[in-house]
């Protein structure tokens, strides 16, 4: 079942921008960008290698302004990394909670339909498409791929002809030419390219035909969204773009403040009366399923099954909402014990 999606962008706070993705009337994802955060994912720097740590298979690189970033040497396979070396890197993971940014020398420039990989040679196509569509897009990519560049065809390219893909590619090549020029004339360490703002990135990366509306309270973001929709959305698939003027704050209007507050608590109640307990350790997330107030209408086996099924759906939502990755464990209710 395809759920109706809305993108809600709260942009009035000069220190913080929040963008929510709402699916079927429920908060599915939340993205936050704080203006004081530097070295955002996607930004490209001309950096200087500060130190190389063979025992950690890593290096620290200076991005400028007194900020160092972490580079795994495995990401630089085939490259010699030396102290004081100048190197072009891209932020792959934004600095968080006292941890510096992570960077990679393997650059990628995402467009709406394509991702350009400077120095690459491979062609990739989104695995979200079926084999026939992937084969067609791969054939187009082979014909338009520039020498010395890799290409990845994104899901948004489904059904498009070569002309539109070529237009997107030309935009990316112009961007890479500008970055390459800056890299030649600027002194390390320095910022060469800053990726677009939060709403722009989400429209580029999340937008599809299931999005029915984009709502924002920022005038600049409203114009940006209008421009994006006019350029990239096909006729019949263009979502409504609305600028919110009301006295009620945007996230309150859509019930997102309350939903955020309850959804991110340790205990998450389900509609049936069952609940989840979500605990975070240093390198592990554990989720425990409990029947709580839910006693079912028939027998224990049906109650356990219904609780586990409802929990599985909510756990998937919680993993997206909390941006949880890595190692995790889920303790569902015991089906065999209930059956016995």
C-alpha atoms as a PDB file:
ATOM      1  CA  UNK A   1       0.000   0.000   0.000  1.00  0.00           C
ATOM      2  CA  UNK A   2       1.380   3.395  -1.033  1.00  0.00           C
ATOM      3  CA  UNK A   3       0.896   5.981   1.702  1.00  0.00           C
ATOM      4  CA  UNK A   4       0.224   9.636   0.990  1.00  0.00           C
ATOM      5  CA  UNK A   5       3.293  11.662   1.983  1.00  0.00           C
ATOM      6  CA  UNK A   6       3.763  15.288   2.990  1.00  0.00           C
ATOM      7  CA  UNK A   7       6.991  17.222   3.530  1.00  0.00           C
ATOM      8  CA  UNK A   8       6.699  19.798   6.325  1.00  0.00           C
ATOM      9  CA  UNK A   9       9.571  22.304   6.676  1.00  0.00           C
ATOM     10  CA  UNK A  10       9.869  24.520   9.760  1.00  0.00           C
ATOM     11  CA  UNK A  11      12.416  27.196   8.790  1.00  0.00           C
ATOM     12  CA  UNK A  12      11.623  30.262  10.939  1.00  0.00           C
ATOM     13  CA  UNK A  13      14.201  29.585  13.666  1.00  0.00           C
ATOM     14  CA  UNK A  14      17.471  31.224  12.508  1.00  0.00           C
ATOM     15  CA  UNK A  15      19.471  28.629  14.469  1.00  0.00           C
ATOM     16  CA  UNK A  16      17.701  25.441  13.401  1.00  0.00           C
ATOM     17  CA  UNK A  17      15.746  24.064  10.440  1.00  0.00           C
ATOM     18  CA  UNK A  18      13.495  21.015  10.866  1.00  0.00           C
ATOM     19  CA  UNK A  19      11.948  19.013   8.041  1.00  0.00           C
ATOM     20  CA  UNK A  20       9.425  16.242   8.728  1.00  0.00           C
ATOM     21  CA  UNK A  21       8.236  13.531   6.363  1.00  0.00           C
ATOM     22  CA  UNK A  22       4.661  12.532   7.195  1.00  0.00           C
ATOM     23  CA  UNK A  23       3.272   9.273   5.793  1.00  0.00           C
ATOM     24  CA  UNK A  24      -0.384   8.373   6.076  1.00  0.00           C
ATOM     25  CA  UNK A  25      -0.845  11.159   8.623  1.00  0.00           C
ATOM     26  CA  UNK A  26       1.941   9.886  10.915  1.00  0.00           C
ATOM     27  CA  UNK A  27       5.443  11.232  11.400  1.00  0.00           C
ATOM     28  CA  UNK A  28       7.866   8.927   9.558  1.00  0.00           C
ATOM     29  CA  UNK A  29      11.168  10.823   9.519  1.00  0.00           C
ATOM     30  CA  UNK A  30      12.588  13.997  11.010  1.00  0.00           C
ATOM     31  CA  UNK A  31      15.650  15.854   9.727  1.00  0.00           C
ATOM     32  CA  UNK A  32      17.345  18.654  11.670  1.00  0.00           C
ATOM     33  CA  UNK A  33      20.049  21.066  10.551  1.00  0.00           C
ATOM     34  CA  UNK A  34      21.607  23.444  13.057  1.00  0.00           C
ATOM     35  CA  UNK A  35      23.230  26.552  11.689  1.00  0.00           C
ATOM     36  CA  UNK A  36      26.238  26.234  14.017  1.00  0.00           C
ATOM     37  CA  UNK A  37      27.067  22.776  12.709  1.00  0.00           C
ATOM     38  CA  UNK A  38      30.023  22.751  10.358  1.00  0.00           C
ATOM     39  CA  UNK A  39      31.283  20.049   8.018  1.00  0.00           C
ATOM     40  CA  UNK A  40      27.891  18.790   6.916  1.00  0.00           C
ATOM     41  CA  UNK A  41      27.596  15.547   4.966  1.00  0.00           C
ATOM     42  CA  UNK A  42      28.153  16.233   1.265  1.00  0.00           C
ATOM     43  CA  UNK A  43      30.502  19.201   1.718  1.00  0.00           C
ATOM     44  CA  UNK A  44      33.848  18.962  -0.102  1.00  0.00           C
ATOM     45  CA  UNK A  45      37.144  20.268   1.302  1.00  0.00           C
ATOM     46  CA  UNK A  46      40.708  20.703   0.228  1.00  0.00           C
ATOM     47  CA  UNK A  47      42.236  19.293   3.409  1.00  0.00           C
ATOM     48  CA  UNK A  48      45.685  18.686   4.833  1.00  0.00           C
ATOM     49  CA  UNK A  49      46.644  15.392   6.468  1.00  0.00           C
ATOM     50  CA  UNK A  50      47.425  16.178  10.100  1.00  0.00           C
ATOM     51  CA  UNK A  51      48.517  12.712  11.213  1.00  0.00           C
ATOM     52  CA  UNK A  52      48.454   9.090  10.050  1.00  0.00           C
ATOM     53  CA  UNK A  53      47.689   6.337  12.567  1.00  0.00           C
ATOM     54  CA  UNK A  54      48.522   2.944  11.009  1.00  0.00           C
ATOM     55  CA  UNK A  55      47.501   1.098  14.174  1.00  0.00           C
ATOM     56  CA  UNK A  56      43.981   2.496  13.816  1.00  0.00           C
ATOM     57  CA  UNK A  57      44.034   2.210  10.010  1.00  0.00           C
ATOM     58  CA  UNK A  58      43.044   5.867   9.969  1.00  0.00           C
ATOM     59  CA  UNK A  59      44.230   9.428   9.512  1.00  0.00           C
ATOM     60  CA  UNK A  60      43.165  12.790  10.890  1.00  0.00           C
ATOM     61  CA  UNK A  61      42.816  15.573   8.342  1.00  0.00           C
ATOM     62  CA  UNK A  62      42.588  19.310   8.938  1.00  0.00           C
ATOM     63  CA  UNK A  63      39.526  20.889   7.307  1.00  0.00           C
ATOM     64  CA  UNK A  64      40.329  24.389   8.515  1.00  0.00           C
ATOM     65  CA  UNK A  65      39.066  26.608  11.343  1.00  0.00           C
ATOM     66  CA  UNK A  66      40.668  24.282  13.877  1.00  0.00           C
ATOM     67  CA  UNK A  67      38.455  21.326  12.928  1.00  0.00           C
ATOM     68  CA  UNK A  68      39.890  17.848  12.264  1.00  0.00           C
ATOM     69  CA  UNK A  69      38.042  14.977  10.617  1.00  0.00           C
ATOM     70  CA  UNK A  70      38.523  11.213  10.649  1.00  0.00           C
ATOM     71  CA  UNK A  71      39.497   9.345   7.481  1.00  0.00           C
ATOM     72  CA  UNK A  72      39.530   5.536   7.328  1.00  0.00           C
ATOM     73  CA  UNK A  73      42.516   4.391   5.261  1.00  0.00           C
ATOM     74  CA  UNK A  74      40.313   1.642   3.834  1.00  0.00           C
ATOM     75  CA  UNK A  75      38.353   4.421   2.084  1.00  0.00           C
ATOM     76  CA  UNK A  76      41.622   5.531   0.459  1.00  0.00           C
ATOM     77  CA  UNK A  77      42.631   2.123  -0.853  1.00  0.00           C
ATOM     78  CA  UNK A  78      45.108   2.539  -3.721  1.00  0.00           C
ATOM     79  CA  UNK A  79      46.113   6.015  -2.502  1.00  0.00           C
ATOM     80  CA  UNK A  80      49.187   6.897  -0.492  1.00  0.00           C
ATOM     81  CA  UNK A  81      48.247   9.027   2.532  1.00  0.00           C
ATOM     82  CA  UNK A  82      51.134  10.989   4.095  1.00  0.00           C
ATOM     83  CA  UNK A  83      51.398  13.589   6.828  1.00  0.00           C
ATOM     84  CA  UNK A  84      51.086  17.189   5.518  1.00  0.00           C
ATOM     85  CA  UNK A  85      49.695  15.896   2.215  1.00  0.00           C
ATOM     86  CA  UNK A  86      46.954  17.958   0.558  1.00  0.00           C
ATOM     87  CA  UNK A  87      43.897  15.883  -0.279  1.00  0.00           C
ATOM     88  CA  UNK A  88      40.371  16.488  -1.587  1.00  0.00           C
ATOM     89  CA  UNK A  89      37.806  14.886   0.709  1.00  0.00           C
ATOM     90  CA  UNK A  90      34.049  14.837   1.154  1.00  0.00           C
ATOM     91  CA  UNK A  91      32.221  14.705   4.466  1.00  0.00           C
ATOM     92  CA  UNK A  92      30.433  11.348   4.668  1.00  0.00           C
ATOM     93  CA  UNK A  93      29.219  11.720   8.252  1.00  0.00           C
ATOM     94  CA  UNK A  94      28.454  15.001  10.021  1.00  0.00           C
ATOM     95  CA  UNK A  95      30.114  15.649  13.383  1.00  0.00           C
ATOM     96  CA  UNK A  96      27.856  14.610  16.288  1.00  0.00           C
ATOM     97  CA  UNK A  97      28.046  14.482  20.105  1.00  0.00           C
ATOM     98  CA  UNK A  98      31.714  15.291  20.482  1.00  0.00           C
ATOM     99  CA  UNK A  99      32.767  13.096  17.560  1.00  0.00           C
ATOM    100  CA  UNK A 100      34.418  14.797  14.613  1.00  0.00           C
ATOM    101  CA  UNK A 101      33.200  14.505  11.059  1.00  0.00           C
ATOM    102  CA  UNK A 102      34.128  11.481   8.968  1.00  0.00           C
ATOM    103  CA  UNK A 103      35.483  12.121   5.481  1.00  0.00           C
ATOM    104  CA  UNK A 104      36.321  10.094   2.385  1.00  0.00           C
ATOM    105  CA  UNK A 105      38.466  10.800  -0.668  1.00  0.00           C
ATOM    106  CA  UNK A 106      35.883   8.960  -2.796  1.00  0.00           C
ATOM    107  CA  UNK A 107      33.769  11.876  -3.980  1.00  0.00           C
ATOM    108  CA  UNK A 108      30.199  11.784  -5.288  1.00  0.00           C
ATOM    109  CA  UNK A 109      27.997  14.579  -6.603  1.00  0.00           C
ATOM    110  CA  UNK A 110      24.275  13.780  -6.432  1.00  0.00           C
ATOM    111  CA  UNK A 111      21.840  15.289  -8.898  1.00  0.00           C
ATOM    112  CA  UNK A 112      18.133  14.683  -9.209  1.00  0.00           C
ATOM    113  CA  UNK A 113      18.484  11.625 -11.477  1.00  0.00           C
ATOM    114  CA  UNK A 114      22.194  10.780 -11.439  1.00  0.00           C
ATOM    115  CA  UNK A 115      25.143  10.673  -9.078  1.00  0.00           C
ATOM    116  CA  UNK A 116      28.485  11.614 -10.636  1.00  0.00           C
ATOM    117  CA  UNK A 117      31.525   9.808  -9.203  1.00  0.00           C
ATOM    118  CA  UNK A 118      34.721  11.672 -10.196  1.00  0.00           C
ATOM    119  CA  UNK A 119      37.595   9.270 -10.786  1.00  0.00           C
ATOM    120  CA  UNK A 120      35.274   6.270 -10.895  1.00  0.00           C
ATOM    121  CA  UNK A 121      34.499   3.945 -13.768  1.00  0.00           C
ATOM    122  CA  UNK A 122      31.570   1.864 -12.598  1.00  0.00           C
ATOM    123  CA  UNK A 123      27.912   2.251 -13.575  1.00  0.00           C
ATOM    124  CA  UNK A 124      25.271   1.548 -10.960  1.00  0.00           C
ATOM    125  CA  UNK A 125      21.486   1.615 -11.113  1.00  0.00           C
ATOM    126  CA  UNK A 126      19.074   1.821  -8.191  1.00  0.00           C
ATOM    127  CA  UNK A 127      18.081  -1.625  -6.936  1.00  0.00           C
ATOM    128  CA  UNK A 128      14.602  -0.315  -6.174  1.00  0.00           C
ATOM    129  CA  UNK A 129      13.786  -0.697  -9.892  1.00  0.00           C
ATOM    130  CA  UNK A 130      12.948  -3.990 -11.590  1.00  0.00           C
ATOM    131  CA  UNK A 131      15.470  -5.702 -13.873  1.00  0.00           C
ATOM    132  CA  UNK A 132      13.957  -4.508 -17.145  1.00  0.00           C
ATOM    133  CA  UNK A 133      13.984  -0.845 -16.077  1.00  0.00           C
ATOM    134  CA  UNK A 134      17.473  -1.168 -14.632  1.00  0.00           C
ATOM    135  CA  UNK A 135      18.810  -2.667 -17.862  1.00  0.00           C
ATOM    136  CA  UNK A 136      17.316   0.172 -19.944  1.00  0.00           C
ATOM    137  CA  UNK A 137      18.785   2.854 -17.694  1.00  0.00           C
ATOM    138  CA  UNK A 138      22.141   1.075 -17.552  1.00  0.00           C
ATOM    139  CA  UNK A 139      22.305   1.129 -21.377  1.00  0.00           C
ATOM    140  CA  UNK A 140      21.650   4.894 -21.369  1.00  0.00           C
ATOM    141  CA  UNK A 141      24.265   5.442 -18.655  1.00  0.00           C
ATOM    142  CA  UNK A 142      26.881   3.526 -20.662  1.00  0.00           C
ATOM    143  CA  UNK A 143      26.325   5.839 -23.634  1.00  0.00           C
ATOM    144  CA  UNK A 144      26.522   9.111 -21.699  1.00  0.00           C
ATOM    145  CA  UNK A 145      29.160   8.260 -19.049  1.00  0.00           C
ATOM    146  CA  UNK A 146      32.146  10.632 -19.374  1.00  0.00           C
ATOM    147  CA  UNK A 147      35.654   9.179 -19.504  1.00  0.00           C
ATOM    148  CA  UNK A 148      37.172   8.899 -16.013  1.00  0.00           C
ATOM    149  CA  UNK A 149      33.808   9.226 -14.268  1.00  0.00           C
ATOM    150  CA  UNK A 150      31.468   6.766 -12.634  1.00  0.00           C
ATOM    151  CA  UNK A 151      27.693   7.115 -12.778  1.00  0.00           C
ATOM    152  CA  UNK A 152      24.888   5.964 -10.511  1.00  0.00           C
ATOM    153  CA  UNK A 153      21.332   6.169 -11.821  1.00  0.00           C
ATOM    154  CA  UNK A 154      18.835   7.064  -9.095  1.00  0.00           C
ATOM    155  CA  UNK A 155      15.307   5.743  -8.592  1.00  0.00           C
ATOM    156  CA  UNK A 156      13.875   9.102  -9.707  1.00  0.00           C
ATOM    157  CA  UNK A 157      15.162   8.370 -13.241  1.00  0.00           C
ATOM    158  CA  UNK A 158      12.530   5.664 -13.743  1.00  0.00           C
ATOM    159  CA  UNK A 159      10.863   6.075 -17.136  1.00  0.00           C
ATOM    160  CA  UNK A 160      12.982   9.048 -18.233  1.00  0.00           C
ATOM    161  CA  UNK A 161      14.637   9.323 -21.622  1.00  0.00           C
ATOM    162  CA  UNK A 162      18.313   9.952 -22.351  1.00  0.00           C
ATOM    163  CA  UNK A 163      17.861  13.704 -22.933  1.00  0.00           C
ATOM    164  CA  UNK A 164      16.728  14.394 -19.359  1.00  0.00           C
ATOM    165  CA  UNK A 165      19.503  12.262 -17.901  1.00  0.00           C
ATOM    166  CA  UNK A 166      22.045  14.022 -20.096  1.00  0.00           C
ATOM    167  CA  UNK A 167      20.759  17.404 -18.920  1.00  0.00           C
ATOM    168  CA  UNK A 168      21.244  16.344 -15.288  1.00  0.00           C
ATOM    169  CA  UNK A 169      24.717  15.022 -16.130  1.00  0.00           C
ATOM    170  CA  UNK A 170      25.740  18.302 -17.755  1.00  0.00           C
ATOM    171  CA  UNK A 171      24.738  20.196 -14.602  1.00  0.00           C
ATOM    172  CA  UNK A 172      26.877  17.854 -12.511  1.00  0.00           C
ATOM    173  CA  UNK A 173      29.856  18.154 -14.868  1.00  0.00           C
ATOM    174  CA  UNK A 174      29.681  21.944 -14.657  1.00  0.00           C
ATOM    175  CA  UNK A 175      29.625  21.685 -10.874  1.00  0.00           C
ATOM    176  CA  UNK A 176      32.642  19.350 -10.875  1.00  0.00           C
ATOM    177  CA  UNK A 177      34.519  21.738 -13.171  1.00  0.00           C
ATOM    178  CA  UNK A 178      33.910  24.573 -10.687  1.00  0.00           C
ATOM    179  CA  UNK A 179      35.080  22.429  -7.755  1.00  0.00           C
ATOM    180  CA  UNK A 180      38.201  21.316  -9.660  1.00  0.00           C
ATOM    181  CA  UNK A 181      39.067  24.926 -10.496  1.00  0.00           C
ATOM    182  CA  UNK A 182      38.712  25.986  -6.842  1.00  0.00           C
ATOM    183  CA  UNK A 183      40.894  23.063  -5.770  1.00  0.00           C
ATOM    184  CA  UNK A 184      43.701  24.311  -8.019  1.00  0.00           C
ATOM    185  CA  UNK A 185      43.681  27.934  -6.869  1.00  0.00           C
ATOM    186  CA  UNK A 186      42.765  27.681  -3.161  1.00  0.00           C
ATOM    187  CA  UNK A 187      45.173  27.007  -0.311  1.00  0.00           C
ATOM    188  CA  UNK A 188      44.533  24.004   1.941  1.00  0.00           C
ATOM    189  CA  UNK A 189      42.714  23.660   4.225  1.00  0.00           C
ATOM    190  CA  UNK A 190      39.526  25.231   2.809  1.00  0.00           C
ATOM    191  CA  UNK A 191      35.921  24.531   1.842  1.00  0.00           C
ATOM    192  CA  UNK A 192      35.521  23.901  -1.895  1.00  0.00           C
ATOM    193  CA  UNK A 193      31.824  23.067  -2.127  1.00  0.00           C
ATOM    194  CA  UNK A 194      28.904  23.281   0.260  1.00  0.00           C
ATOM    195  CA  UNK A 195      25.950  21.028  -0.462  1.00  0.00           C
ATOM    196  CA  UNK A 196      22.511  22.614  -0.710  1.00  0.00           C
ATOM    197  CA  UNK A 197      20.444  23.343   2.399  1.00  0.00           C
ATOM    198  CA  UNK A 198      18.365  20.781   4.268  1.00  0.00           C
ATOM    199  CA  UNK A 199      15.077  21.211   2.393  1.00  0.00           C
ATOM    200  CA  UNK A 200      16.843  21.187  -0.977  1.00  0.00           C
ATOM    201  CA  UNK A 201      18.629  17.935  -0.131  1.00  0.00           C
ATOM    202  CA  UNK A 202      15.404  16.291   1.014  1.00  0.00           C
ATOM    203  CA  UNK A 203      13.544  17.343  -2.118  1.00  0.00           C
ATOM    204  CA  UNK A 204      16.409  16.022  -4.231  1.00  0.00           C
ATOM    205  CA  UNK A 205      16.706  12.734  -2.343  1.00  0.00           C
ATOM    206  CA  UNK A 206      13.182  11.976  -1.052  1.00  0.00           C
ATOM    207  CA  UNK A 207      10.808  13.422  -3.624  1.00  0.00           C
ATOM    208  CA  UNK A 208       8.615  11.021  -5.612  1.00  0.00           C
ATOM    209  CA  UNK A 209       5.055  10.713  -6.886  1.00  0.00           C
ATOM    210  CA  UNK A 210       3.739   9.770  -3.421  1.00  0.00           C
ATOM    211  CA  UNK A 211       4.404  13.300  -2.086  1.00  0.00           C
ATOM    212  CA  UNK A 212       1.128  15.212  -2.313  1.00  0.00           C
ATOM    213  CA  UNK A 213       2.101  18.428  -0.515  1.00  0.00           C
ATOM    214  CA  UNK A 214       5.102  20.482   0.564  1.00  0.00           C
ATOM    215  CA  UNK A 215       4.422  22.999   3.347  1.00  0.00           C
ATOM    216  CA  UNK A 216       6.931  25.486   4.727  1.00  0.00           C
ATOM    217  CA  UNK A 217       6.892  28.660   6.794  1.00  0.00           C
ATOM    218  CA  UNK A 218      10.023  30.067   5.115  1.00  0.00           C
ATOM    219  CA  UNK A 219       9.628  32.356   2.092  1.00  0.00           C
ATOM    220  CA  UNK A 220      13.001  31.423   0.594  1.00  0.00           C
ATOM    221  CA  UNK A 221      12.311  27.700   1.078  1.00  0.00           C
ATOM    222  CA  UNK A 222       8.842  28.125  -0.452  1.00  0.00           C
ATOM    223  CA  UNK A 223      10.343  29.622  -3.616  1.00  0.00           C
ATOM    224  CA  UNK A 224      12.969  26.885  -3.683  1.00  0.00           C
ATOM    225  CA  UNK A 225      10.306  24.176  -3.446  1.00  0.00           C
ATOM    226  CA  UNK A 226       8.176  25.830  -6.162  1.00  0.00           C
ATOM    227  CA  UNK A 227      11.189  25.976  -8.475  1.00  0.00           C
ATOM    228  CA  UNK A 228      12.081  22.346  -7.791  1.00  0.00           C
ATOM    229  CA  UNK A 229       8.549  21.109  -8.460  1.00  0.00           C
ATOM    230  CA  UNK A 230       8.273  23.068 -11.715  1.00  0.00           C
ATOM    231  CA  UNK A 231      11.596  21.755 -12.977  1.00  0.00           C
ATOM    232  CA  UNK A 232      11.585  18.132 -11.895  1.00  0.00           C
ATOM    233  CA  UNK A 233       8.025  16.928 -11.230  1.00  0.00           C
ATOM    234  CA  UNK A 234       6.070  15.517 -14.154  1.00  0.00           C
ATOM    235  CA  UNK A 235       2.612  16.734 -15.119  1.00  0.00           C
ATOM    236  CA  UNK A 236      -0.013  15.070 -12.960  1.00  0.00           C
ATOM    237  CA  UNK A 237       2.548  14.344 -10.234  1.00  0.00           C
ATOM    238  CA  UNK A 238       3.218  17.897  -9.046  1.00  0.00           C
ATOM    239  CA  UNK A 239       2.527  18.267  -5.322  1.00  0.00           C
ATOM    240  CA  UNK A 240       0.890  21.357  -3.892  1.00  0.00           C
ATOM    241  CA  UNK A 241       3.440  23.804  -2.454  1.00  0.00           C
ATOM    242  CA  UNK A 242       2.111  25.959   0.392  1.00  0.00           C
ATOM    243  CA  UNK A 243       3.586  28.860   2.350  1.00  0.00           C
ATOM    244  CA  UNK A 244       2.256  28.801   5.926  1.00  0.00           C
ATOM    245  CA  UNK A 245       1.269  32.237   7.288  1.00  0.00           C
ATOM    246  CA  UNK A 246      -0.899  31.273  10.279  1.00  0.00           C
ATOM    247  CA  UNK A 247      -0.387  32.269  13.905  1.00  0.00           C
ATOM    248  CA  UNK A 248      -0.155  28.604  14.973  1.00  0.00           C
ATOM    249  CA  UNK A 249       3.442  27.303  14.529  1.00  0.00           C
ATOM    250  CA  UNK A 250       3.712  24.908  11.599  1.00  0.00           C
ATOM    251  CA  UNK A 251       4.740  21.794  13.532  1.00  0.00           C
ATOM    252  CA  UNK A 252       1.984  22.405  16.093  1.00  0.00           C
ATOM    253  CA  UNK A 253      -0.580  22.794  13.313  1.00  0.00           C
ATOM    254  CA  UNK A 254       0.226  19.295  12.044  1.00  0.00           C
ATOM    255  CA  UNK A 255       0.535  17.797  15.546  1.00  0.00           C
ATOM    256  CA  UNK A 256       4.224  17.096  15.025  1.00  0.00           C
ATOM    257  CA  UNK A 257       5.541  18.643  18.247  1.00  0.00           C
ATOM    258  CA  UNK A 258       3.423  16.302  20.364  1.00  0.00           C
ATOM    259  CA  UNK A 259       4.166  13.331  18.115  1.00  0.00           C
ATOM    260  CA  UNK A 260       7.899  14.025  18.315  1.00  0.00           C
ATOM    261  CA  UNK A 261       7.770  14.265  22.089  1.00  0.00           C
ATOM    262  CA  UNK A 262       5.978  10.944  22.531  1.00  0.00           C
ATOM    263  CA  UNK A 263       7.600   9.053  19.651  1.00  0.00           C
ATOM    264  CA  UNK A 264      11.145   9.612  20.915  1.00  0.00           C
ATOM    265  CA  UNK A 265      10.517   8.503  24.506  1.00  0.00           C
ATOM    266  CA  UNK A 266      12.044   5.306  25.876  1.00  0.00           C
ATOM    267  CA  UNK A 267       8.588   3.712  26.165  1.00  0.00           C
ATOM    268  CA  UNK A 268       6.467   3.831  23.002  1.00  0.00           C
ATOM    269  CA  UNK A 269       2.786   2.957  23.358  1.00  0.00           C
ATOM    270  CA  UNK A 270       0.990   1.169  20.515  1.00  0.00           C
ATOM    271  CA  UNK A 271      -2.653   1.679  19.575  1.00  0.00           C
ATOM    272  CA  UNK A 272      -3.628  -1.715  21.007  1.00  0.00           C
ATOM    273  CA  UNK A 273      -2.266  -0.896  24.465  1.00  0.00           C
ATOM    274  CA  UNK A 274       0.947  -2.879  24.004  1.00  0.00           C
ATOM    275  CA  UNK A 275       4.229  -0.998  24.183  1.00  0.00           C
ATOM    276  CA  UNK A 276       7.899  -1.028  23.157  1.00  0.00           C
ATOM    277  CA  UNK A 277      10.897  -0.222  25.341  1.00  0.00           C
ATOM    278  CA  UNK A 278      13.858   1.113  23.368  1.00  0.00           C
ATOM    279  CA  UNK A 279      17.257   1.195  25.065  1.00  0.00           C
ATOM    280  CA  UNK A 280      20.549   2.423  23.610  1.00  0.00           C
ATOM    281  CA  UNK A 281      23.985   1.192  24.622  1.00  0.00           C
ATOM    282  CA  UNK A 282      27.312   2.422  23.231  1.00  0.00           C
ATOM    283  CA  UNK A 283      27.203   0.120  20.203  1.00  0.00           C
ATOM    284  CA  UNK A 284      23.822  -1.620  20.439  1.00  0.00           C
ATOM    285  CA  UNK A 285      20.110  -0.833  20.374  1.00  0.00           C
ATOM    286  CA  UNK A 286      17.731  -3.216  22.158  1.00  0.00           C
ATOM    287  CA  UNK A 287      13.957  -3.175  21.665  1.00  0.00           C
ATOM    288  CA  UNK A 288      11.664  -5.093  23.995  1.00  0.00           C
ATOM    289  CA  UNK A 289       8.029  -5.894  23.089  1.00  0.00           C
ATOM    290  CA  UNK A 290       5.424  -5.989  25.883  1.00  0.00           C
ATOM    291  CA  UNK A 291       1.691  -6.738  25.813  1.00  0.00           C
ATOM    292  CA  UNK A 292       0.990  -3.981  28.341  1.00  0.00           C
ATOM    293  CA  UNK A 293      -2.732  -3.217  28.494  1.00  0.00           C
ATOM    294  CA  UNK A 294      -3.519  -5.379  25.449  1.00  0.00           C
ATOM    295  CA  UNK A 295      -5.203  -8.640  26.443  1.00  0.00           C
ATOM    296  CA  UNK A 296      -6.743  -9.598  23.096  1.00  0.00           C
ATOM    297  CA  UNK A 297     -10.251 -10.804  22.328  1.00  0.00           C
ATOM    298  CA  UNK A 298      -9.728 -14.540  21.769  1.00  0.00           C
ATOM    299  CA  UNK A 299      -6.742 -16.351  23.285  1.00  0.00           C
ATOM    300  CA  UNK A 300      -3.103 -15.829  24.237  1.00  0.00           C
ATOM    301  CA  UNK A 301      -1.758 -17.070  20.898  1.00  0.00           C
ATOM    302  CA  UNK A 302      -3.790 -14.516  18.939  1.00  0.00           C
ATOM    303  CA  UNK A 303      -2.815 -11.766  21.383  1.00  0.00           C
ATOM    304  CA  UNK A 304       0.885 -12.555  20.999  1.00  0.00           C
ATOM    305  CA  UNK A 305       0.669 -12.705  17.206  1.00  0.00           C
ATOM    306  CA  UNK A 306      -1.281  -9.441  16.973  1.00  0.00           C
ATOM    307  CA  UNK A 307       1.154  -7.708  19.326  1.00  0.00           C
ATOM    308  CA  UNK A 308       4.212  -8.905  17.407  1.00  0.00           C
ATOM    309  CA  UNK A 309       2.741  -7.840  14.056  1.00  0.00           C
ATOM    310  CA  UNK A 310       1.769  -4.399  15.336  1.00  0.00           C
ATOM    311  CA  UNK A 311       5.177  -4.046  16.985  1.00  0.00           C
ATOM    312  CA  UNK A 312       7.052  -4.944  13.793  1.00  0.00           C
ATOM    313  CA  UNK A 313       5.375  -2.099  11.913  1.00  0.00           C
ATOM    314  CA  UNK A 314       6.055   0.423  14.687  1.00  0.00           C
ATOM    315  CA  UNK A 315       9.666  -0.750  15.128  1.00  0.00           C
ATOM    316  CA  UNK A 316      10.351  -0.112  11.433  1.00  0.00           C
ATOM    317  CA  UNK A 317       8.915   3.395  11.864  1.00  0.00           C
ATOM    318  CA  UNK A 318      10.947   4.017  15.018  1.00  0.00           C
ATOM    319  CA  UNK A 319      14.197   2.944  13.351  1.00  0.00           C
ATOM    320  CA  UNK A 320      13.626   5.535  10.611  1.00  0.00           C
ATOM    321  CA  UNK A 321      12.398   8.221  12.982  1.00  0.00           C
ATOM    322  CA  UNK A 322      15.344   7.864  15.366  1.00  0.00           C
ATOM    323  CA  UNK A 323      17.876   7.239  12.546  1.00  0.00           C
ATOM    324  CA  UNK A 324      18.969   4.019  14.256  1.00  0.00           C
ATOM    325  CA  UNK A 325      21.524   1.890  12.442  1.00  0.00           C
ATOM    326  CA  UNK A 326      24.219  -0.601  13.346  1.00  0.00           C
ATOM    327  CA  UNK A 327      23.761  -3.604  15.610  1.00  0.00           C
ATOM    328  CA  UNK A 328      20.423  -4.138  17.311  1.00  0.00           C
ATOM    329  CA  UNK A 329      18.267  -6.763  18.931  1.00  0.00           C
ATOM    330  CA  UNK A 330      14.486  -7.150  19.167  1.00  0.00           C
ATOM    331  CA  UNK A 331      12.857  -9.277  21.854  1.00  0.00           C
ATOM    332  CA  UNK A 332       9.456 -10.165  20.403  1.00  0.00           C
ATOM    333  CA  UNK A 333       6.885 -12.051  22.467  1.00  0.00           C
ATOM    334  CA  UNK A 334       7.529 -15.808  22.437  1.00  0.00           C
ATOM    335  CA  UNK A 335       5.194 -17.422  19.869  1.00  0.00           C
ATOM    336  CA  UNK A 336       6.075 -20.999  20.800  1.00  0.00           C
ATOM    337  CA  UNK A 337       5.392 -20.427  24.495  1.00  0.00           C
ATOM    338  CA  UNK A 338       2.022 -18.859  23.659  1.00  0.00           C
ATOM    339  CA  UNK A 339       1.128 -21.778  21.395  1.00  0.00           C
ATOM    340  CA  UNK A 340       2.093 -24.313  24.051  1.00  0.00           C
END
